[in-house]
Protein backbone atom coordinates (compact mmCIF):
# COMPACT_ATOMS: atom_id res chain seq x y z
CA MET A 1 88.44 108.77 79.34
CA VAL A 2 86.21 107.93 82.25
CA SER A 3 87.78 107.64 85.67
CA LEU A 4 86.78 107.53 89.28
CA GLU A 5 88.13 109.80 91.91
CA THR A 6 89.59 108.28 95.13
CA GLY A 7 91.39 109.69 98.12
CA LEU A 8 94.73 109.11 96.47
CA GLY A 9 93.89 110.94 93.21
CA VAL A 10 92.50 109.71 89.85
CA CYS A 11 92.15 105.89 89.82
CA PRO A 12 90.82 104.91 86.34
CA LEU A 13 88.99 101.59 86.39
CA PHE A 14 88.90 101.29 82.59
CA GLY A 15 90.63 102.91 79.75
CA LEU A 16 94.03 103.14 81.40
CA HIS A 17 96.45 100.29 80.96
CA LEU A 18 99.17 101.30 83.53
CA HIS A 19 99.07 102.81 86.99
CA LYS A 20 102.22 104.08 88.82
CA SER A 21 102.42 102.66 92.29
CA ASP A 22 102.88 105.28 95.01
CA TRP A 23 104.43 102.42 97.17
CA ASP A 24 107.62 102.24 95.45
CA GLY A 25 107.23 103.71 91.85
CA ASP A 26 106.65 100.32 90.09
CA ILE A 27 104.31 100.19 87.09
CA ILE A 28 101.39 97.89 87.78
CA PRO A 29 98.84 96.84 85.22
CA LEU A 30 95.14 97.71 85.62
CA PRO A 31 92.25 96.36 83.61
CA THR A 32 92.11 97.04 79.87
CA THR A 33 89.40 99.01 78.05
CA ALA A 34 85.76 97.95 78.45
CA SER A 35 82.47 99.11 77.15
CA GLN A 36 80.54 102.38 78.29
CA TYR A 37 77.89 100.00 79.50
CA LEU A 38 80.34 98.42 82.00
CA ILE A 39 81.83 101.70 83.04
CA ASN A 40 78.37 103.04 83.93
CA THR A 41 77.99 100.18 86.49
CA MET A 42 81.21 101.19 88.01
CA LEU A 43 80.08 104.96 88.23
CA TRP A 44 76.68 103.86 89.81
CA MET A 45 78.59 101.85 92.40
CA LYS A 46 80.65 105.02 93.17
CA LYS A 47 77.62 106.98 93.67
CA GLU A 48 76.07 104.37 95.89
CA ALA A 49 79.08 104.67 98.20
CA TYR A 50 80.60 101.33 97.53
CA GLU A 51 84.19 100.99 98.75
CA ASP A 52 86.81 101.55 95.92
CA SER A 53 88.27 97.96 96.62
CA THR A 54 84.74 96.58 96.03
CA ILE A 55 84.19 98.58 92.97
CA LYS A 56 87.63 97.29 91.45
CA CYS A 57 86.82 93.59 92.49
CA VAL A 58 83.30 93.89 90.59
CA ALA A 59 84.93 95.49 87.68
CA LYS A 60 87.44 92.64 87.32
CA ARG A 61 84.57 90.11 87.55
CA LEU A 62 82.41 91.93 84.92
CA ALA A 63 85.34 92.40 82.62
CA HIS A 64 85.75 88.66 82.79
CA LEU A 65 82.19 88.07 82.05
CA ALA A 66 82.10 90.52 79.11
CA ARG A 67 85.13 88.74 77.59
CA TYR A 68 83.48 85.42 77.33
CA SER A 69 79.68 86.32 77.37
CA THR A 70 77.22 89.17 76.70
CA LEU A 71 76.53 91.40 79.76
CA ALA A 72 73.15 92.43 78.11
CA ASP A 73 71.91 88.72 78.24
CA PRO A 74 71.25 87.50 81.78
CA GLU A 75 70.51 83.89 80.56
CA ALA A 76 73.87 83.82 78.56
CA ILE A 77 75.66 84.97 81.69
CA LYS A 78 73.97 82.17 83.92
CA THR A 79 74.84 79.64 81.29
CA PHE A 80 78.47 80.59 81.03
CA VAL A 81 79.01 80.60 84.81
CA ALA A 82 77.13 77.29 85.22
CA ASP A 83 79.42 75.67 82.63
CA LYS A 84 82.72 77.26 83.91
CA GLN A 85 85.18 75.04 85.31
CA CYS A 86 86.03 76.56 88.70
CA SER A 87 84.93 76.69 92.37
CA ASN A 88 81.45 77.41 93.55
CA ALA A 89 82.95 80.43 95.51
CA TYR A 90 84.23 81.93 92.22
CA LYS A 91 80.98 81.29 90.40
CA GLU A 92 79.18 82.92 93.32
CA SER A 93 81.45 86.00 93.11
CA LEU A 94 80.80 86.24 89.32
CA ILE A 95 77.05 86.05 89.97
CA GLU A 96 77.32 88.77 92.78
CA ALA A 97 79.07 91.08 90.46
CA TYR A 98 76.53 90.56 87.68
CA ALA A 99 73.74 91.21 90.20
CA ILE A 100 75.19 94.51 91.05
CA ASN A 101 75.28 95.27 87.23
CA MET A 102 71.63 94.38 87.09
CA ARG A 103 70.78 96.67 89.98
CA SER A 104 72.70 99.63 88.42
CA THR A 105 70.23 99.51 85.43
CA ASN A 106 67.10 98.66 87.50
CA GLN A 107 66.67 95.36 85.84
CA THR A 108 65.19 92.21 87.30
CA TRP A 109 66.44 88.60 86.71
CA LYS A 110 66.30 85.34 88.37
CA GLN A 111 69.70 85.11 90.18
CA LEU A 112 71.46 81.80 90.67
CA PHE A 113 72.90 80.82 94.10
CA TYR A 114 75.92 78.64 94.48
CA ASN A 115 76.74 76.73 97.86
CA ARG A 116 80.27 77.54 98.86
CA TYR A 117 82.34 74.75 100.38
CA ASP A 118 84.02 76.55 103.21
CA LYS A 119 87.56 75.57 103.42
CA LEU A 120 89.70 76.83 106.32
CA PRO A 121 93.04 78.06 105.37
CA LYS A 122 96.25 76.17 106.68
CA LEU A 123 98.08 78.85 108.63
CA PRO A 124 101.83 79.18 108.47
CA THR A 125 104.13 78.84 111.47
CA GLU A 126 105.25 82.03 113.24
CA GLU A 127 108.73 81.06 112.20
CA LYS A 128 107.80 81.43 108.62
CA LEU A 129 105.97 84.68 109.11
CA ASN A 130 109.03 85.99 110.97
CA MET A 131 111.25 84.79 108.05
CA MET A 132 109.10 86.76 105.60
CA ILE A 133 109.40 89.82 107.71
CA ALA A 134 113.19 89.39 107.92
CA LYS A 135 113.53 88.88 104.15
CA ALA A 136 111.37 92.05 103.26
CA GLU A 137 112.74 95.66 102.67
CA ARG A 138 112.28 97.93 105.53
CA ARG A 139 108.86 99.46 104.82
CA MET A 140 107.36 96.03 103.76
CA ALA A 141 108.85 94.47 106.86
CA LEU A 142 107.23 97.24 109.04
CA PHE A 143 103.93 96.62 107.36
CA LEU A 144 104.11 92.79 107.86
CA SER A 145 105.23 93.09 111.48
CA MET A 146 102.45 95.78 112.38
CA SER A 147 99.79 93.39 110.62
CA LYS A 148 101.26 90.37 112.60
CA ASP A 149 100.90 92.47 115.99
CA LEU A 150 97.54 94.03 115.24
CA GLY A 151 95.61 91.48 113.23
CA THR A 152 94.55 94.31 110.89
CA ARG A 153 93.31 94.08 107.38
CA PRO A 154 95.78 95.48 104.83
CA ILE A 155 93.55 98.44 104.00
CA GLU A 156 93.34 99.48 107.60
CA LEU A 157 97.10 99.79 107.77
CA THR A 158 97.11 102.09 104.73
CA TRP A 159 94.67 104.36 106.47
CA LEU A 160 96.81 104.76 109.62
CA LYS A 161 98.36 108.21 110.34
CA VAL A 162 101.06 109.01 112.79
CA ALA A 163 98.52 110.68 115.03
CA ASP A 164 96.73 107.41 115.39
CA ILE A 165 99.57 105.73 117.25
CA ASP A 166 100.99 106.52 120.76
CA LEU A 167 104.64 106.35 119.97
CA THR A 168 105.47 105.96 123.69
CA ASN A 169 103.51 102.78 124.52
CA GLY A 170 102.59 101.51 121.08
CA VAL A 171 98.83 101.77 121.31
CA VAL A 172 97.19 102.13 117.97
CA ASN A 173 93.72 103.48 117.13
CA ILE A 174 92.56 101.46 114.12
CA THR A 175 89.85 102.64 111.75
CA GLY A 176 87.74 99.67 110.87
CA ALA A 177 87.30 98.72 107.17
CA LYS A 178 84.12 97.34 105.80
CA HIS A 179 82.43 94.59 107.91
CA THR A 180 84.72 95.55 110.79
CA ILE A 181 84.56 98.27 113.59
CA GLY A 182 87.14 100.77 115.07
CA ARG A 183 89.35 99.29 117.75
CA THR A 184 92.66 99.69 119.39
CA GLY A 185 95.63 97.37 119.33
CA LYS A 186 99.12 97.41 120.73
CA LEU A 187 102.56 96.99 118.94
CA LYS A 188 105.22 94.87 120.25
CA PRO A 189 108.54 96.78 121.28
CA GLN A 190 110.46 95.44 118.35
CA THR A 191 107.70 96.71 115.84
CA LEU A 192 107.34 100.04 117.66
CA GLU A 193 111.08 100.63 117.42
CA MET A 194 110.77 99.73 113.66
CA LEU A 195 108.01 102.41 113.38
CA ARG A 196 109.79 105.09 115.17
CA ALA A 197 112.74 104.58 112.80
CA HIS A 198 110.59 104.70 109.75
CA ILE A 199 108.76 107.95 110.91
CA THR A 200 112.23 109.60 111.52
CA ARG A 201 113.64 108.41 108.24
CA LYS A 202 110.75 109.61 106.19
CA ASN A 203 110.24 112.82 108.37
CA LEU A 204 106.60 112.25 108.77
CA ASN A 205 104.18 114.72 110.50
CA LEU A 206 101.22 113.89 112.73
CA THR A 207 98.75 114.12 109.88
CA ASP A 208 101.01 111.95 107.45
CA ARG A 209 99.80 108.44 106.60
CA ILE A 210 102.30 105.74 107.65
CA PHE A 211 101.77 103.85 104.43
CA PRO A 212 100.52 106.31 101.65
CA THR A 213 99.43 103.55 99.08
CA ILE A 214 96.54 101.38 98.25
CA PRO A 215 96.08 97.66 99.42
CA ASP A 216 96.51 96.38 95.81
CA ASN A 217 100.04 97.72 95.46
CA VAL A 218 100.98 96.17 98.86
CA CYS A 219 99.57 92.87 97.89
CA ASN A 220 101.40 93.00 94.55
CA LEU A 221 104.69 93.67 96.23
CA TYR A 222 104.12 91.10 98.94
CA ARG A 223 103.45 88.41 96.27
CA ARG A 224 106.66 89.40 94.52
CA LEU A 225 108.56 89.09 97.87
CA ARG A 226 106.98 85.78 98.72
CA ASN A 227 107.62 84.04 95.45
CA HIS A 228 111.22 85.35 95.46
CA VAL A 229 111.78 83.87 99.00
CA ALA A 230 110.13 80.69 98.01
CA GLU A 231 112.29 80.34 94.92
CA LYS A 232 115.52 81.31 96.72
CA LEU A 233 114.87 78.70 99.53
CA GLN A 234 113.43 76.09 97.30
CA ASP A 235 110.49 75.91 99.59
CA PRO A 236 107.19 75.58 97.72
CA THR A 237 105.13 75.99 100.97
CA ILE A 238 106.16 79.67 101.25
CA ARG A 239 104.10 80.37 98.09
CA GLN A 240 100.99 79.46 100.10
CA ILE A 241 101.49 82.25 102.78
CA ARG A 242 98.94 85.07 101.98
CA LEU A 243 99.21 88.55 103.26
CA TYR A 244 95.84 87.85 105.03
CA ASP A 245 97.61 84.95 106.93
CA PHE A 246 99.31 87.62 109.22
CA ARG A 247 95.89 88.62 110.44
CA HIS A 248 94.55 84.99 110.56
CA TRP A 249 97.58 83.99 112.53
CA ARG A 250 97.01 86.66 115.16
CA ALA A 251 93.45 85.64 115.54
CA SER A 252 94.19 81.99 116.03
CA ILE A 253 96.98 82.47 118.36
CA GLU A 254 94.91 84.79 120.51
CA TYR A 255 92.01 82.39 120.78
CA HIS A 256 94.28 79.47 121.71
CA ARG A 257 96.03 81.72 124.34
CA THR A 258 92.73 83.09 125.89
CA LYS A 259 89.93 80.73 124.66
CA ASP A 260 87.88 83.98 124.68
CA LEU A 261 85.85 84.51 121.45
CA LEU A 262 84.74 88.05 122.56
CA HIS A 263 88.33 89.06 122.89
CA VAL A 264 89.29 87.75 119.51
CA LYS A 265 86.11 89.32 118.05
CA ASN A 266 87.21 92.77 119.55
CA LEU A 267 90.72 92.31 118.32
CA LEU A 268 89.68 91.71 114.81
CA GLY A 269 86.95 94.34 114.81
CA HIS A 270 84.14 91.82 113.72
CA LYS A 271 80.64 92.85 113.98
CA ASP A 272 79.35 89.31 114.08
CA LEU A 273 80.57 86.62 116.33
CA ARG A 274 79.96 83.97 113.58
CA THR A 275 82.60 85.56 111.43
CA THR A 276 85.29 85.17 114.35
CA LEU A 277 84.29 81.48 114.71
CA ARG A 278 86.16 80.81 111.46
CA TYR A 279 89.44 81.82 112.96
CA THR A 280 89.26 79.37 115.95
CA HIS A 281 90.54 76.28 114.11
CA SER A 282 93.29 74.11 115.21
CA MET A 283 96.32 76.46 115.20
CA LYS A 284 98.48 75.38 118.04
CA PRO A 285 100.40 78.05 119.80
């Protein structure tokens, strides 16, 4: 069986049907078996230092293409993608995944380019974000509350260690994920109190990670929580609240509070100010 090593141990991309979550012990499905041809692309990406999250995303896209077309035939792939009933954004992601596959075997082809129609997300109110935090179990509640305070990506929270946080004043040293840079943030008193209780309850040391898991596990558990809350309250709008909306909400609220793009850019760790501009839509404080 071919597998890739990650910082959390063995993380098979193909050939393994189930993976035990280190978040709460749940069994979470992973992609089914694929050809050695496809596996070689994933191994090439690992050698080229692609992020594990990127490798997994490309794997899913290529597995989809392999299921309905032939990876060895670029023209067949282009025809399949062109005829597929989906958004241009998804078509572009399929083509980008296939382009990586082609680079991994040093093949050339005429790549298609699709124009995305950029659609800004509709952000939830703070009341609904706080409701999600209140309905979550303690560890997920802490994760969501920290995300709301810091505006971090989910993966950045999974990297945090106890030593990265000043437990007296709540200042957090954040390691930037891809496309972002390292920065500092500050937790609100209520979140800091939740964090202290979590560290005590789990008996964590300075070198221990606050959330020793991978982002996919957090996302799966969050969707389960969100859908449960939506069903219980008979409120379909809750199903539209994404995990990333906690980050987006922080960005929008900070912009409308300060009208300072550079401040928001630094808060989110963006390298390019143009990325920050996407977050400055009409969210009222």
